[in-house]
Each structure stands twice: as C-alpha cells, then as structure tokens.
Amino acid sequence: MSTTELAWFKSSYSGSSGDDCIEVAVSGQAVCVRDSKDVTRAHFAVERGEWARFVGFVTEA
C-alpha cells in the first residue's frame, strides 16, 4: 500500500503547531509511522501485534 493510500492521523495530544509530531496510519497487517514535519521521507511499518505491545508499554509508564 502506498503512502498516499493510507489514512494518516496525528495523536489527539498533538498541539496545533505541528512541532515534534508523528502521524500513524493503520493498514491491514501493519501500523505505519512517519514524521509529520516531512511526509516525503520514508515511513516505517510495525506489525499490529507489536504496535499493541508498544502502546501497552508506554501507557503503563
């Protein structure tokens, strides 16, 4: 799936200025992450189960 076909979104905790933010898009098998300040750069993808473990870890902190 190309970057333009993904539905990218920012965290609800992101400020309106757009500084230091990432965007996330969920595809069928992965969660994609990119820098919101430079969307032309490559994104990286993480399997959905691994993303769930990451989010679980950071929400416990």
C-alpha atoms as a PDB file:
ATOM      1  CA  MET A   1       0.000   0.000   0.000  1.00  0.00           C
ATOM      2  CA  SER A   2       1.429   3.381  -0.969  1.00  0.00           C
ATOM      3  CA  THR A   3       1.808   6.243   1.460  1.00  0.00           C
ATOM      4  CA  THR A   4      -0.863   8.280  -0.333  1.00  0.00           C
ATOM      5  CA  GLU A   5      -3.440   5.488   0.028  1.00  0.00           C
ATOM      6  CA  LEU A   6      -3.120   5.398   3.816  1.00  0.00           C
ATOM      7  CA  ALA A   7      -5.345   7.425   6.154  1.00  0.00           C
ATOM      8  CA  TRP A   8      -2.742   9.247   8.287  1.00  0.00           C
ATOM      9  CA  PHE A   9      -3.690  10.835  11.605  1.00  0.00           C
ATOM     10  CA  LYS A  10      -1.970  12.604  14.479  1.00  0.00           C
ATOM     11  CA  SER A  11      -2.448  11.967  18.164  1.00  0.00           C
ATOM     12  CA  SER A  12      -5.183  13.912  19.891  1.00  0.00           C
ATOM     13  CA  TYR A  13      -2.400  15.089  22.232  1.00  0.00           C
ATOM     14  CA  SER A  14      -0.615  16.869  19.367  1.00  0.00           C
ATOM     15  CA  GLY A  15      -0.528  20.617  19.521  1.00  0.00           C
ATOM     16  CA  SER A  16      -1.896  22.779  16.739  1.00  0.00           C
ATOM     17  CA  SER A  17       1.585  23.997  15.749  1.00  0.00           C
ATOM     18  CA  GLY A  18       2.591  20.557  14.407  1.00  0.00           C
ATOM     19  CA  ASP A  19       6.018  20.527  16.038  1.00  0.00           C
ATOM     20  CA  ASP A  20       7.689  17.253  17.041  1.00  0.00           C
ATOM     21  CA  CYS A  21       4.819  15.058  15.982  1.00  0.00           C
ATOM     22  CA  ILE A  22       4.360  11.748  14.286  1.00  0.00           C
ATOM     23  CA  GLU A  23       1.497  10.527  12.164  1.00  0.00           C
ATOM     24  CA  VAL A  24       0.144   6.990  12.210  1.00  0.00           C
ATOM     25  CA  ALA A  25      -1.819   5.007   9.646  1.00  0.00           C
ATOM     26  CA  VAL A  26      -3.257   1.529  10.092  1.00  0.00           C
ATOM     27  CA  SER A  27      -3.188  -0.901   7.189  1.00  0.00           C
ATOM     28  CA  GLY A  28      -4.428  -4.472   7.072  1.00  0.00           C
ATOM     29  CA  GLN A  29      -1.302  -6.028   8.571  1.00  0.00           C
ATOM     30  CA  ALA A  30       0.740  -3.150   9.965  1.00  0.00           C
ATOM     31  CA  VAL A  31       0.796   0.210  11.671  1.00  0.00           C
ATOM     32  CA  CYS A  32       2.802   2.781   9.717  1.00  0.00           C
ATOM     33  CA  VAL A  33       4.568   5.712  11.371  1.00  0.00           C
ATOM     34  CA  ARG A  34       6.025   8.844   9.769  1.00  0.00           C
ATOM     35  CA  ASP A  35       7.364  12.283  10.685  1.00  0.00           C
ATOM     36  CA  SER A  36       4.580  14.840  10.275  1.00  0.00           C
ATOM     37  CA  LYS A  37       7.083  17.623   9.527  1.00  0.00           C
ATOM     38  CA  ASP A  38       8.459  15.822   6.447  1.00  0.00           C
ATOM     39  CA  VAL A  39       5.887  13.451   4.979  1.00  0.00           C
ATOM     40  CA  THR A  40       8.078  12.916   1.896  1.00  0.00           C
ATOM     41  CA  ARG A  41      10.534  10.856   3.949  1.00  0.00           C
ATOM     42  CA  ALA A  42      10.048   7.132   4.211  1.00  0.00           C
ATOM     43  CA  HIS A  43       7.736   5.778   6.887  1.00  0.00           C
ATOM     44  CA  PHE A  44       8.296   2.592   8.850  1.00  0.00           C
ATOM     45  CA  ALA A  45       5.810  -0.171   9.469  1.00  0.00           C
ATOM     46  CA  VAL A  46       5.317  -2.334  12.544  1.00  0.00           C
ATOM     47  CA  GLU A  47       3.141  -5.436  12.809  1.00  0.00           C
ATOM     48  CA  ARG A  48      -0.140  -4.661  14.546  1.00  0.00           C
ATOM     49  CA  GLY A  49       0.603  -7.000  17.480  1.00  0.00           C
ATOM     50  CA  GLU A  50       3.971  -5.345  18.068  1.00  0.00           C
ATOM     51  CA  TRP A  51       2.332  -1.901  17.964  1.00  0.00           C
ATOM     52  CA  ALA A  52      -0.231  -3.030  20.548  1.00  0.00           C
ATOM     53  CA  ARG A  53       2.578  -4.203  22.842  1.00  0.00           C
ATOM     54  CA  PHE A  54       4.396  -0.872  22.406  1.00  0.00           C
ATOM     55  CA  VAL A  55       1.271   1.157  23.186  1.00  0.00           C
ATOM     56  CA  GLY A  56       0.575  -1.050  26.208  1.00  0.00           C
ATOM     57  CA  PHE A  57       4.103  -0.463  27.465  1.00  0.00           C
ATOM     58  CA  VAL A  58       4.043   3.331  27.106  1.00  0.00           C
ATOM     59  CA  THR A  59       0.592   3.670  28.666  1.00  0.00           C
ATOM     60  CA  GLU A  60       1.813   1.822  31.774  1.00  0.00           C
ATOM     61  CA  ALA A  61       4.735   4.215  32.197  1.00  0.00           C
END
